[in-house]
């Protein structure tokens, strides 16, 4: 179980990663003190020796230490419950450190950092998007670097992040609350509504990072045809701050920063996102939109969001830009549908009885081409045969595609069925996170978590789209699975264990039942609650995608009866 020492070492790794310099014990101790850790130089040296032994850091003569690639990996996946909290605090820190003066055009701005092979065609696409105004700013900084893994020369492009806007609002004395990253639908160059959202405070990955996969956006199509979806983020400010905010945007526009998609009225929904009374919503285009367009065209782009700060005067215009988007106009009534609202309505309809094996269960439906169906089922059967515990259930059903005759659907049992069974038996089970569970020597641990309550997409769909699983490798003891964490009242744990035993006897899988208030596979559970970890119902389909077969996954889709399903082996 992670302890305070683990947290301190994780903070040391963060300091080394953020500064990207060789740092001595004195500097690290000073940085730790700023973060609330009162560690002297001697104690820092002790922790650094442990990090050296783990090969997370490397000593560079008498100058100090630097973080290693192994250290970066540990930082990314270690103490995942802390990472969920850290993502939002990182944005808050960036907002606080933004110092740009919109009149003198001096100060620091938040930047995204992207790297890619210098390809003329990729650069032309990126410039085309900047020219269309689909960015926070056409100001960039381009440099070269050597990729440590491939030894190839790459371009490093820094672009202004939308978080800079939040910092500017705060500098104007306006309280700003970043809420979501997502994607906005555009029709005839008019932004209409957000189609997907992820809350900043409830995920281990930067929200917009979830939407950087080439299949998630269509920025290039928006520029060339006027229709598609673009990355964007959403924040709220007090209702009486609108006039002040609008004046700030006018000032920023004069120095080449904007990205404003829409600013709402007091208490008015903005692009389908509900806003409380006396608050105003603001939607800003994602500063990574030009890089997303290059990814859509098939180029390999590594995008890191809100990576660091830099002086505004170090950035230069990549070209002139003129915003092609039209004013969005009044709200059209379309609202973002959050996953958990949809899930609760299915969960309460679950009446499956594990003893009689009768009743409704929740199903995911994933689509493959008809010509790939047999191979897909063979891969799924192998997963169920070798590691049945990695699958929610060994049962499946073939269903037709709603409008494509060349595709066929595969229904699999969703792990939210278990929440429904527990609730039917009087135990309030709350789906908390969808995550990626890493299987390794020292035991399973979550390395990614996204809350069901802050997302419009099932987190497992995101992880599959971004190729973050390695289910096939997990068959040999090392790999990454989809898994879910749910919580129950700790007093209900003894009775829940009886029910879960019946559930497992009926063919459904449960990976772990935690103790009250215990970390479960490194995931944090609220006090006076117990955690339950179940394998993702989409694991067999993730394995299919890993073997090169195109899979369109749809989680939490419908209800099925066990009698309608057949066993895959």
Protein backbone atom coordinates (compact mmCIF):
# COMPACT_ATOMS: atom_id res chain seq x y z
CA UNK A 1 0.00 0.00 0.00
CA UNK A 2 1.49 3.39 -0.97
CA UNK A 3 2.59 5.49 2.00
CA UNK A 4 3.87 8.99 2.67
CA UNK A 5 7.38 8.00 1.56
CA UNK A 6 6.00 6.88 -1.82
CA UNK A 7 4.19 10.21 -2.19
CA UNK A 8 7.36 12.18 -1.41
CA UNK A 9 9.36 10.20 -3.96
CA UNK A 10 6.63 10.74 -6.54
CA UNK A 11 6.81 14.50 -5.90
CA UNK A 12 10.61 14.40 -6.34
CA UNK A 13 10.10 12.70 -9.71
CA UNK A 14 7.53 15.36 -10.68
CA UNK A 15 9.97 18.13 -9.78
CA UNK A 16 12.71 16.56 -11.90
CA UNK A 17 10.28 15.98 -14.79
CA UNK A 18 8.87 19.52 -14.69
CA UNK A 19 12.26 21.25 -14.52
CA UNK A 20 13.96 18.95 -17.08
CA UNK A 21 17.31 19.89 -15.48
CA UNK A 22 19.90 18.22 -13.29
CA UNK A 23 18.87 19.27 -9.78
CA UNK A 24 20.65 19.07 -6.45
CA UNK A 25 19.19 18.16 -3.06
CA UNK A 26 18.96 21.82 -1.99
CA UNK A 27 16.84 22.84 -4.98
CA UNK A 28 14.61 19.78 -4.62
CA UNK A 29 14.13 20.46 -0.90
CA UNK A 30 13.08 24.04 -1.68
CA UNK A 31 10.58 22.85 -4.31
CA UNK A 32 9.18 20.22 -1.94
CA UNK A 33 8.69 22.87 0.74
CA UNK A 34 6.61 24.92 -1.71
CA UNK A 35 4.42 21.83 -2.22
CA UNK A 36 3.93 21.36 1.53
CA UNK A 37 6.58 18.69 2.21
CA UNK A 38 9.02 19.75 4.94
CA UNK A 39 12.05 17.67 3.94
CA UNK A 40 15.60 18.78 4.60
CA UNK A 41 18.51 18.19 2.22
CA UNK A 42 19.64 15.08 4.10
CA UNK A 43 16.18 13.50 3.85
CA UNK A 44 16.02 14.39 0.15
CA UNK A 45 19.34 12.64 -0.43
CA UNK A 46 17.99 9.54 1.33
CA UNK A 47 14.93 9.45 -0.94
CA UNK A 48 17.11 10.10 -3.99
CA UNK A 49 19.29 7.08 -3.20
CA UNK A 50 16.16 4.92 -3.19
CA UNK A 51 15.11 6.40 -6.53
CA UNK A 52 18.62 5.72 -7.90
CA UNK A 53 18.38 2.08 -6.81
CA UNK A 54 15.04 1.75 -8.58
CA UNK A 55 16.68 3.33 -11.69
CA UNK A 56 14.05 6.10 -11.66
CA UNK A 57 16.78 8.75 -11.37
CA UNK A 58 20.41 9.03 -12.41
CA UNK A 59 23.20 10.83 -10.59
CA UNK A 60 25.14 13.26 -12.78
CA UNK A 61 28.48 13.83 -11.02
CA UNK A 62 28.22 16.32 -8.17
CA UNK A 63 25.58 18.43 -9.98
CA UNK A 64 22.64 16.34 -8.80
CA UNK A 65 20.10 14.00 -10.39
CA UNK A 66 17.94 13.81 -13.46
CA UNK A 67 14.93 11.65 -14.11
CA UNK A 68 15.35 8.57 -16.35
CA UNK A 69 12.92 7.17 -18.93
CA UNK A 70 12.04 4.50 -16.38
CA UNK A 71 11.32 7.30 -13.90
CA UNK A 72 9.04 9.02 -16.40
CA UNK A 73 7.11 5.77 -16.85
CA UNK A 74 6.74 5.32 -13.09
CA UNK A 75 5.60 8.92 -12.73
CA UNK A 76 2.95 8.36 -15.37
CA UNK A 77 1.46 5.24 -13.79
CA UNK A 78 2.49 5.23 -10.12
CA UNK A 79 0.09 6.32 -7.37
CA UNK A 80 -2.75 6.60 -9.85
CA UNK A 81 -5.17 7.95 -7.22
CA UNK A 82 -2.74 10.83 -6.72
CA UNK A 83 -2.46 11.36 -10.48
CA UNK A 84 -6.23 11.89 -10.72
CA UNK A 85 -5.94 14.72 -8.20
CA UNK A 86 -2.71 16.01 -9.74
CA UNK A 87 -4.07 16.63 -13.25
CA UNK A 88 -6.46 19.35 -12.10
CA UNK A 89 -3.94 20.84 -9.66
CA UNK A 90 -1.45 21.00 -12.54
CA UNK A 91 -3.89 23.14 -14.54
CA UNK A 92 -4.54 25.31 -11.51
CA UNK A 93 -0.78 25.83 -11.16
CA UNK A 94 -0.44 26.74 -14.84
CA UNK A 95 -3.31 29.23 -14.53
CA UNK A 96 -1.68 30.86 -11.51
CA UNK A 97 1.70 31.15 -13.26
CA UNK A 98 0.31 32.81 -16.43
CA UNK A 99 1.61 36.38 -16.38
CA UNK A 100 0.98 37.71 -19.90
CA UNK A 101 0.11 41.40 -20.00
CA UNK A 102 -2.26 41.87 -22.97
CA UNK A 103 -1.27 45.53 -23.36
CA UNK A 104 2.53 45.26 -23.25
CA UNK A 105 2.50 41.73 -24.76
CA UNK A 106 5.03 40.61 -22.15
CA UNK A 107 4.90 37.67 -19.77
CA UNK A 108 4.43 33.91 -19.65
CA UNK A 109 1.81 31.80 -21.44
CA UNK A 110 0.89 28.11 -21.15
CA UNK A 111 2.01 26.01 -24.12
CA UNK A 112 1.34 22.55 -25.53
CA UNK A 113 4.33 20.66 -26.88
CA UNK A 114 4.06 18.41 -29.94
CA UNK A 115 6.77 16.46 -31.74
CA UNK A 116 6.77 14.85 -35.18
CA UNK A 117 9.01 13.93 -38.09
CA UNK A 118 9.63 16.95 -40.31
CA UNK A 119 7.37 16.14 -43.25
CA UNK A 120 6.48 18.96 -45.70
CA UNK A 121 2.95 17.59 -46.19
CA UNK A 122 2.31 17.48 -42.43
CA UNK A 123 3.55 21.05 -42.08
CA UNK A 124 1.29 22.23 -44.90
CA UNK A 125 -1.75 20.73 -43.14
CA UNK A 126 -0.76 22.30 -39.82
CA UNK A 127 -0.27 25.71 -41.47
CA UNK A 128 -3.62 25.36 -43.26
CA UNK A 129 -5.41 24.90 -39.92
CA UNK A 130 -3.59 27.82 -38.31
CA UNK A 131 -4.53 29.99 -41.30
CA UNK A 132 -8.20 29.05 -40.82
CA UNK A 133 -8.12 30.40 -37.26
CA UNK A 134 -8.87 27.01 -35.65
CA UNK A 135 -6.35 27.53 -32.85
CA UNK A 136 -5.88 29.62 -29.74
CA UNK A 137 -3.18 31.56 -31.57
CA UNK A 138 -1.05 31.33 -34.75
CA UNK A 139 2.01 32.02 -32.58
CA UNK A 140 4.35 29.05 -32.26
CA UNK A 141 7.93 28.11 -31.49
CA UNK A 142 9.56 25.45 -33.65
CA UNK A 143 12.86 23.73 -32.85
CA UNK A 144 14.55 20.43 -33.61
CA UNK A 145 15.34 17.49 -31.35
CA UNK A 146 16.59 13.92 -31.65
CA UNK A 147 14.14 11.18 -30.71
CA UNK A 148 15.98 9.15 -28.05
CA UNK A 149 14.29 5.89 -29.12
CA UNK A 150 14.47 6.12 -32.92
CA UNK A 151 17.43 8.55 -33.14
CA UNK A 152 15.47 10.36 -35.85
CA UNK A 153 15.43 14.14 -36.11
CA UNK A 154 12.05 15.58 -35.10
CA UNK A 155 10.40 18.97 -35.02
CA UNK A 156 9.29 20.25 -31.65
CA UNK A 157 6.34 22.65 -31.93
CA UNK A 158 5.07 24.69 -28.99
CA UNK A 159 1.58 26.14 -29.37
CA UNK A 160 -0.43 28.35 -27.02
CA UNK A 161 -2.81 26.33 -24.83
CA UNK A 162 -6.37 27.38 -23.99
CA UNK A 163 -5.36 27.32 -20.32
CA UNK A 164 -3.64 30.65 -21.05
CA UNK A 165 -7.14 32.15 -21.39
CA UNK A 166 -7.99 30.92 -17.89
CA UNK A 167 -4.84 32.57 -16.57
CA UNK A 168 -5.73 35.83 -18.29
CA UNK A 169 -9.24 35.79 -16.85
CA UNK A 170 -7.79 35.27 -13.37
CA UNK A 171 -5.30 38.11 -13.91
CA UNK A 172 -8.30 40.34 -14.64
CA UNK A 173 -9.71 39.43 -11.22
CA UNK A 174 -12.28 37.00 -12.66
CA UNK A 175 -12.66 33.67 -10.81
CA UNK A 176 -12.42 30.95 -13.46
CA UNK A 177 -13.31 27.28 -13.10
CA UNK A 178 -12.12 24.93 -15.89
CA UNK A 179 -14.71 22.18 -16.18
CA UNK A 180 -14.43 20.02 -19.29
CA UNK A 181 -12.35 19.08 -22.28
CA UNK A 182 -14.28 17.68 -25.23
CA UNK A 183 -15.21 17.93 -28.88
CA UNK A 184 -17.64 20.35 -30.56
CA UNK A 185 -19.80 19.56 -33.56
CA UNK A 186 -19.61 22.03 -36.47
CA UNK A 187 -22.19 22.31 -39.27
CA UNK A 188 -21.68 24.69 -42.19
CA UNK A 189 -18.89 26.34 -40.17
CA UNK A 190 -21.28 26.95 -37.25
CA UNK A 191 -20.42 25.35 -33.88
CA UNK A 192 -23.62 23.65 -32.70
CA UNK A 193 -22.95 21.62 -29.54
CA UNK A 194 -20.45 19.57 -27.59
CA UNK A 195 -20.79 15.91 -28.50
CA UNK A 196 -18.39 14.52 -25.87
CA UNK A 197 -16.98 15.82 -22.57
CA UNK A 198 -14.58 14.68 -19.83
CA UNK A 199 -14.30 16.54 -16.52
CA UNK A 200 -10.89 17.97 -15.56
CA UNK A 201 -11.22 16.89 -11.93
CA UNK A 202 -11.98 13.23 -12.53
CA UNK A 203 -9.35 11.71 -14.78
CA UNK A 204 -5.69 10.69 -14.76
CA UNK A 205 -5.22 11.94 -18.32
CA UNK A 206 -5.61 15.49 -19.57
CA UNK A 207 -9.24 15.61 -20.82
CA UNK A 208 -8.42 16.78 -24.34
CA UNK A 209 -5.77 14.04 -24.53
CA UNK A 210 -8.66 11.57 -24.71
CA UNK A 211 -9.77 13.15 -27.99
CA UNK A 212 -6.44 13.34 -29.84
CA UNK A 213 -6.90 10.00 -31.59
CA UNK A 214 -7.22 10.41 -35.36
CA UNK A 215 -10.74 8.90 -35.33
CA UNK A 216 -12.01 11.26 -32.62
CA UNK A 217 -11.71 14.60 -34.47
CA UNK A 218 -12.26 15.89 -38.01
CA UNK A 219 -10.58 19.31 -37.93
CA UNK A 220 -9.38 19.03 -41.52
CA UNK A 221 -12.91 18.29 -42.73
CA UNK A 222 -14.24 21.34 -40.87
CA UNK A 223 -11.70 23.59 -42.59
CA UNK A 224 -12.27 22.19 -46.07
CA UNK A 225 -15.99 21.35 -45.99
CA UNK A 226 -17.47 23.19 -43.00
CA UNK A 227 -18.68 20.08 -41.16
CA UNK A 228 -17.04 17.90 -38.52
CA UNK A 229 -15.86 17.97 -34.92
CA UNK A 230 -13.07 19.98 -33.29
CA UNK A 231 -11.37 19.79 -29.86
CA UNK A 232 -12.48 22.40 -27.34
CA UNK A 233 -12.58 23.09 -23.64
CA UNK A 234 -15.15 24.65 -21.36
CA UNK A 235 -14.98 26.82 -18.26
CA UNK A 236 -17.39 28.94 -16.18
CA UNK A 237 -17.07 32.41 -14.64
CA UNK A 238 -19.41 34.51 -12.44
CA UNK A 239 -22.34 36.02 -14.31
CA UNK A 240 -21.44 39.64 -13.52
CA UNK A 241 -17.99 39.18 -15.11
CA UNK A 242 -19.14 38.91 -18.71
CA UNK A 243 -18.41 42.49 -19.75
CA UNK A 244 -14.97 42.35 -18.20
CA UNK A 245 -14.25 39.02 -19.90
CA UNK A 246 -15.34 40.32 -23.30
CA UNK A 247 -13.00 43.32 -22.96
CA UNK A 248 -10.17 40.94 -22.11
CA UNK A 249 -10.83 38.89 -25.26
CA UNK A 250 -10.69 42.12 -27.30
CA UNK A 251 -7.28 42.94 -25.81
CA UNK A 252 -5.99 39.42 -26.44
CA UNK A 253 -7.23 39.52 -30.03
CA UNK A 254 -5.01 42.52 -30.70
CA UNK A 255 -1.90 40.49 -29.79
CA UNK A 256 -2.90 37.34 -31.65
CA UNK A 257 -4.69 35.25 -29.01
CA UNK A 258 -8.35 34.25 -29.07
CA UNK A 259 -9.79 30.82 -29.81
CA UNK A 260 -13.17 31.91 -28.46
CA UNK A 261 -15.99 29.72 -29.77
CA UNK A 262 -18.81 31.04 -27.63
CA UNK A 263 -19.45 32.99 -24.43
CA UNK A 264 -22.92 32.48 -23.00
CA UNK A 265 -25.44 34.55 -21.12
CA UNK A 266 -26.13 34.37 -17.39
CA UNK A 267 -27.34 30.84 -16.53
CA UNK A 268 -27.58 29.86 -20.22
CA UNK A 269 -26.39 26.53 -21.60
CA UNK A 270 -23.38 26.88 -23.89
CA UNK A 271 -23.14 24.47 -26.84
CA UNK A 272 -25.30 22.00 -24.94
CA UNK A 273 -23.44 22.22 -21.62
CA UNK A 274 -25.74 23.22 -18.74
CA UNK A 275 -24.65 26.28 -16.73
CA UNK A 276 -25.91 27.19 -13.25
CA UNK A 277 -27.78 30.42 -12.58
CA UNK A 278 -25.53 33.45 -12.02
CA UNK A 279 -22.69 31.78 -13.95
CA UNK A 280 -21.51 32.10 -17.54
CA UNK A 281 -20.03 29.40 -19.75
CA UNK A 282 -17.14 29.96 -22.15
CA UNK A 283 -16.01 27.53 -24.87
CA UNK A 284 -12.48 27.84 -26.28
CA UNK A 285 -11.02 25.86 -29.15
CA UNK A 286 -8.29 23.38 -28.25
CA UNK A 287 -4.82 24.77 -28.94
CA UNK A 288 -3.90 21.35 -30.36
CA UNK A 289 -6.45 21.50 -33.22
CA UNK A 290 -3.80 22.00 -35.98
CA UNK A 291 -1.86 18.98 -34.71
CA UNK A 292 -5.05 16.90 -34.54
CA UNK A 293 -5.60 17.65 -38.23
CA UNK A 294 -2.16 16.24 -39.07
CA UNK A 295 -2.98 13.11 -37.05
CA UNK A 296 -6.24 12.75 -38.99
CA UNK A 297 -4.20 12.77 -42.20
CA UNK A 298 -2.19 9.79 -40.93
CA UNK A 299 0.90 11.50 -39.56
CA UNK A 300 2.38 10.35 -36.26
CA UNK A 301 2.21 13.28 -33.83
CA UNK A 302 3.09 13.11 -30.15
CA UNK A 303 0.96 15.74 -28.36
CA UNK A 304 1.50 16.84 -24.76
CA UNK A 305 -1.04 19.32 -23.42
CA UNK A 306 -0.37 22.22 -21.04
CA UNK A 307 3.18 20.93 -20.81
CA UNK A 308 4.92 24.06 -19.51
CA UNK A 309 5.13 27.87 -19.64
CA UNK A 310 7.24 30.12 -21.82
CA UNK A 311 7.69 33.80 -22.56
CA UNK A 312 5.16 35.15 -25.04
CA UNK A 313 7.86 37.02 -27.00
CA UNK A 314 9.62 33.71 -27.83
CA UNK A 315 6.67 32.74 -30.03
CA UNK A 316 6.40 33.80 -33.68
CA UNK A 317 3.43 33.69 -36.11
CA UNK A 318 3.46 30.59 -38.31
CA UNK A 319 1.23 32.50 -40.79
CA UNK A 320 -1.64 34.96 -40.87
CA UNK A 321 -4.98 33.62 -39.70
CA UNK A 322 -8.65 34.43 -40.14
CA UNK A 323 -11.30 32.56 -38.20
CA UNK A 324 -13.55 30.57 -40.56
CA UNK A 325 -16.08 29.68 -37.85
CA UNK A 326 -19.37 31.54 -37.86
CA UNK A 327 -21.21 32.71 -34.76
CA UNK A 328 -23.01 29.80 -33.14
CA UNK A 329 -26.25 31.67 -32.44
CA UNK A 330 -28.95 30.64 -29.93
CA UNK A 331 -28.86 27.24 -28.25
CA UNK A 332 -30.55 24.56 -30.34
CA UNK A 333 -31.74 22.44 -27.42
CA UNK A 334 -29.20 19.65 -27.90
CA UNK A 335 -27.52 18.71 -24.63
CA UNK A 336 -24.54 16.57 -23.80
CA UNK A 337 -25.60 13.17 -22.52
CA UNK A 338 -23.39 12.02 -19.68
CA UNK A 339 -22.63 8.32 -19.48
CA UNK A 340 -23.71 7.76 -15.90
CA UNK A 341 -27.22 9.12 -16.55
CA UNK A 342 -27.61 6.60 -19.36
CA UNK A 343 -26.00 3.87 -17.25
CA UNK A 344 -28.28 4.38 -14.22
CA UNK A 345 -31.35 3.92 -16.39
CA UNK A 346 -30.02 0.56 -17.58
CA UNK A 347 -28.65 -0.47 -14.17
CA UNK A 348 -32.07 -0.10 -12.54
CA UNK A 349 -33.55 -2.42 -15.18
CA UNK A 350 -31.12 -5.24 -14.37
CA UNK A 351 -33.03 -8.10 -12.75
CA UNK A 352 -30.63 -10.96 -13.42
CA UNK A 353 -30.76 -13.58 -10.66
CA UNK A 354 -27.37 -15.32 -10.39
CA UNK A 355 -28.96 -18.39 -8.77
CA UNK A 356 -31.59 -19.03 -11.44
CA UNK A 357 -29.46 -17.43 -14.18
CA UNK A 358 -32.52 -15.64 -15.50
CA UNK A 359 -33.23 -11.96 -16.10
CA UNK A 360 -31.85 -8.88 -17.83
CA UNK A 361 -28.18 -7.94 -18.00
CA UNK A 362 -26.48 -4.89 -19.56
CA UNK A 363 -24.63 -5.45 -22.84
CA UNK A 364 -21.96 -3.67 -24.84
CA UNK A 365 -22.22 -3.91 -28.62
CA UNK A 366 -19.12 -3.74 -30.80
CA UNK A 367 -19.00 -3.88 -34.58
CA UNK A 368 -16.56 -5.57 -36.96
CA UNK A 369 -16.73 -6.24 -40.70
CA UNK A 370 -18.53 -9.48 -41.57
CA UNK A 371 -15.38 -10.86 -43.18
CA UNK A 372 -13.50 -10.41 -39.87
CA UNK A 373 -16.18 -11.98 -37.66
CA UNK A 374 -14.83 -15.54 -37.51
CA UNK A 375 -11.30 -14.39 -36.71
CA UNK A 376 -12.61 -11.96 -34.09
CA UNK A 377 -14.57 -14.74 -32.36
CA UNK A 378 -11.49 -17.00 -32.37
CA UNK A 379 -9.44 -14.30 -30.64
CA UNK A 380 -12.21 -13.71 -28.11
CA UNK A 381 -12.50 -17.46 -27.44
CA UNK A 382 -8.77 -17.67 -26.71
CA UNK A 383 -9.01 -14.88 -24.12
CA UNK A 384 -11.98 -16.54 -22.41
CA UNK A 385 -10.31 -19.97 -22.48
CA UNK A 386 -6.91 -18.91 -21.10
CA UNK A 387 -7.94 -16.07 -18.78
CA UNK A 388 -11.68 -16.24 -18.09
CA UNK A 389 -11.18 -13.91 -15.10
CA UNK A 390 -10.21 -11.14 -17.53
CA UNK A 391 -13.70 -11.19 -19.08
CA UNK A 392 -16.95 -10.08 -17.47
CA UNK A 393 -18.67 -13.11 -18.94
CA UNK A 394 -17.98 -15.90 -21.48
CA UNK A 395 -21.33 -15.27 -23.18
CA UNK A 396 -21.97 -13.27 -26.36
CA UNK A 397 -24.54 -12.64 -29.07
CA UNK A 398 -24.31 -11.73 -32.76
CA UNK A 399 -26.54 -8.77 -33.69
CA UNK A 400 -27.10 -6.92 -37.00
CA UNK A 401 -25.66 -3.47 -37.67
CA UNK A 402 -28.34 -0.79 -37.71
CA UNK A 403 -27.51 0.53 -41.20
CA UNK A 404 -24.30 -1.05 -42.59
CA UNK A 405 -24.82 -4.45 -44.22
CA UNK A 406 -21.07 -5.07 -44.32
CA UNK A 407 -20.73 -4.92 -40.52
CA UNK A 408 -21.93 -7.19 -37.77
CA UNK A 409 -22.34 -6.59 -34.04
CA UNK A 410 -20.98 -8.63 -31.13
CA UNK A 411 -22.84 -8.13 -27.85
CA UNK A 412 -20.87 -8.85 -24.67
CA UNK A 413 -21.94 -8.56 -21.04
CA UNK A 414 -21.07 -5.20 -19.43
CA UNK A 415 -19.61 -5.16 -15.92
CA UNK A 416 -22.23 -2.58 -14.85
CA UNK A 417 -24.54 -5.60 -14.70
CA UNK A 418 -22.90 -6.38 -11.35
CA UNK A 419 -23.95 -2.96 -9.99
CA UNK A 420 -27.50 -3.75 -11.04
CA UNK A 421 -27.48 -7.14 -9.30
CA UNK A 422 -26.14 -5.64 -6.06
CA UNK A 423 -28.70 -2.82 -6.15
CA UNK A 424 -31.51 -5.33 -6.79
CA UNK A 425 -30.37 -7.01 -3.56
CA UNK A 426 -30.50 -3.77 -1.58
CA UNK A 427 -26.80 -2.77 -1.78
CA UNK A 428 -26.09 0.64 -3.31
CA UNK A 429 -23.26 0.02 -5.77
CA UNK A 430 -21.86 3.11 -7.48
CA UNK A 431 -19.72 2.86 -10.64
CA UNK A 432 -16.73 5.08 -9.82
CA UNK A 433 -14.01 4.70 -12.45
CA UNK A 434 -13.26 2.95 -15.69
CA UNK A 435 -9.54 2.25 -15.86
CA UNK A 436 -6.57 0.43 -17.29
CA UNK A 437 -5.21 -2.27 -14.98
CA UNK A 438 -1.58 -3.22 -15.47
CA UNK A 439 -0.63 -6.81 -14.74
CA UNK A 440 2.97 -7.18 -13.54
CA UNK A 441 5.24 -9.02 -11.09
CA UNK A 442 4.31 -7.01 -8.01
CA UNK A 443 0.61 -7.44 -8.68
CA UNK A 444 -2.10 -5.61 -10.63
CA UNK A 445 -2.38 -1.85 -10.33
CA UNK A 446 -4.45 0.79 -12.07
CA UNK A 447 -2.35 3.03 -14.32
CA UNK A 448 -5.23 5.08 -15.78
CA UNK A 449 -8.56 6.11 -14.26
CA UNK A 450 -11.44 8.18 -15.63
CA UNK A 451 -14.60 8.78 -13.61
CA UNK A 452 -17.90 7.62 -15.02
CA UNK A 453 -19.57 10.66 -13.46
CA UNK A 454 -17.64 13.28 -15.43
CA UNK A 455 -17.63 11.70 -18.87
CA UNK A 456 -20.02 11.43 -21.79
CA UNK A 457 -18.04 8.45 -23.12
CA UNK A 458 -17.36 5.13 -21.46
CA UNK A 459 -13.69 5.41 -20.40
CA UNK A 460 -13.00 1.96 -21.85
CA UNK A 461 -14.00 3.16 -25.31
CA UNK A 462 -11.37 5.90 -24.98
CA UNK A 463 -8.65 3.51 -23.87
CA UNK A 464 -9.36 1.13 -26.75
CA UNK A 465 -9.39 3.96 -29.32
CA UNK A 466 -6.00 5.17 -28.04
CA UNK A 467 -4.50 1.64 -28.14
CA UNK A 468 -3.78 1.68 -24.41
CA UNK A 469 -4.51 -2.01 -23.78
CA UNK A 470 -2.38 -5.13 -24.20
CA UNK A 471 -4.86 -7.89 -23.33
CA UNK A 472 -3.10 -10.47 -25.52
CA UNK A 473 0.18 -9.87 -23.69
CA UNK A 474 -1.63 -10.20 -20.36
CA UNK A 475 -2.33 -13.85 -21.22
CA UNK A 476 1.35 -14.45 -20.43
CA UNK A 477 1.25 -12.58 -17.14
CA UNK A 478 2.21 -9.06 -18.24
CA UNK A 479 -0.08 -6.59 -19.94
CA UNK A 480 -2.88 -4.05 -19.60
CA UNK A 481 -6.56 -4.81 -19.14
CA UNK A 482 -9.72 -2.78 -18.98
CA UNK A 483 -11.24 -2.83 -15.50
CA UNK A 484 -13.81 -0.92 -13.45
CA UNK A 485 -13.91 0.24 -9.85
CA UNK A 486 -17.21 0.46 -8.02
CA UNK A 487 -17.98 1.40 -4.42
CA UNK A 488 -20.41 0.05 -1.84
CA UNK A 489 -21.10 1.09 1.79
CA UNK A 490 -18.58 -0.67 4.02
CA UNK A 491 -21.36 -2.03 6.26
CA UNK A 492 -22.81 -3.87 3.26
CA UNK A 493 -19.51 -5.62 2.44
CA UNK A 494 -20.24 -8.97 4.20
CA UNK A 495 -23.59 -9.38 2.43
CA UNK A 496 -22.08 -8.15 -0.86
CA UNK A 497 -19.44 -10.88 -0.64
CA UNK A 498 -22.19 -13.51 -0.46
CA UNK A 499 -23.94 -12.07 -3.51
CA UNK A 500 -20.68 -11.68 -5.43
CA UNK A 501 -19.91 -15.34 -4.73
CA UNK A 502 -23.25 -16.26 -6.35
CA UNK A 503 -22.45 -13.87 -9.21
CA UNK A 504 -19.14 -15.63 -9.87
CA UNK A 505 -20.86 -19.03 -9.73
CA UNK A 506 -23.20 -17.81 -12.49
CA UNK A 507 -20.23 -17.09 -14.79
CA UNK A 508 -19.57 -13.39 -14.16
CA UNK A 509 -16.10 -12.27 -13.01
CA UNK A 510 -14.95 -10.21 -10.04
CA UNK A 511 -11.24 -9.42 -9.67
CA UNK A 512 -11.12 -8.06 -6.12
CA UNK A 513 -13.27 -7.00 -3.18
CA UNK A 514 -11.44 -4.42 -1.10
CA UNK A 515 -11.59 -3.81 2.61
CA UNK A 516 -13.29 -0.67 3.99
CA UNK A 517 -11.44 2.52 2.94
CA UNK A 518 -8.63 0.41 1.42
CA UNK A 519 -6.74 1.31 -1.76
CA UNK A 520 -7.80 -1.26 -4.35
CA UNK A 521 -5.11 -1.96 -6.93
CA UNK A 522 -3.75 1.52 -6.18
CA UNK A 523 -7.14 3.21 -6.72
CA UNK A 524 -8.57 5.37 -3.95
CA UNK A 525 -11.89 4.48 -2.34
CA UNK A 526 -13.90 7.00 -0.31
CA UNK A 527 -13.88 6.66 3.47
CA UNK A 528 -16.49 4.28 4.90
CA UNK A 529 -16.83 2.56 1.56
CA UNK A 530 -15.36 -0.61 0.05
CA UNK A 531 -14.13 -1.00 -3.52
CA UNK A 532 -14.93 -3.77 -5.98
CA UNK A 533 -12.87 -4.28 -9.13
CA UNK A 534 -14.38 -6.06 -12.13
CA UNK A 535 -12.83 -6.80 -15.54
CA UNK A 536 -14.07 -4.77 -18.49
CA UNK A 537 -16.65 -6.43 -20.69
CA UNK A 538 -14.79 -5.05 -23.71
CA UNK A 539 -11.49 -6.85 -22.95
CA UNK A 540 -12.08 -9.57 -25.59
CA UNK A 541 -12.82 -6.86 -28.18
CA UNK A 542 -9.72 -4.91 -27.14
CA UNK A 543 -7.74 -8.09 -27.83
CA UNK A 544 -9.33 -8.27 -31.28
CA UNK A 545 -8.32 -4.68 -32.07
CA UNK A 546 -4.78 -5.35 -30.83
CA UNK A 547 -4.45 -8.01 -33.53
CA UNK A 548 -5.16 -5.54 -36.31
CA UNK A 549 -8.90 -5.99 -36.80
CA UNK A 550 -10.90 -2.78 -36.94
CA UNK A 551 -13.42 -2.67 -34.07
CA UNK A 552 -16.06 -0.04 -33.37
CA UNK A 553 -16.81 -0.35 -29.66
CA UNK A 554 -20.01 0.81 -27.99
CA UNK A 555 -20.28 0.30 -24.24
CA UNK A 556 -23.40 0.27 -22.05
CA UNK A 557 -25.74 -0.06 -25.00
CA UNK A 558 -28.75 -2.24 -24.21
CA UNK A 559 -30.29 -5.06 -22.14
CA UNK A 560 -29.98 -8.77 -22.92
CA UNK A 561 -31.15 -11.99 -21.31
CA UNK A 562 -28.71 -14.82 -20.67
CA UNK A 563 -31.05 -17.13 -22.59
CA UNK A 564 -30.42 -14.99 -25.70
CA UNK A 565 -26.64 -15.45 -25.47
CA UNK A 566 -24.35 -18.33 -26.30
CA UNK A 567 -21.10 -19.39 -24.67
CA UNK A 568 -18.03 -18.56 -26.72
CA UNK A 569 -16.24 -21.80 -25.74
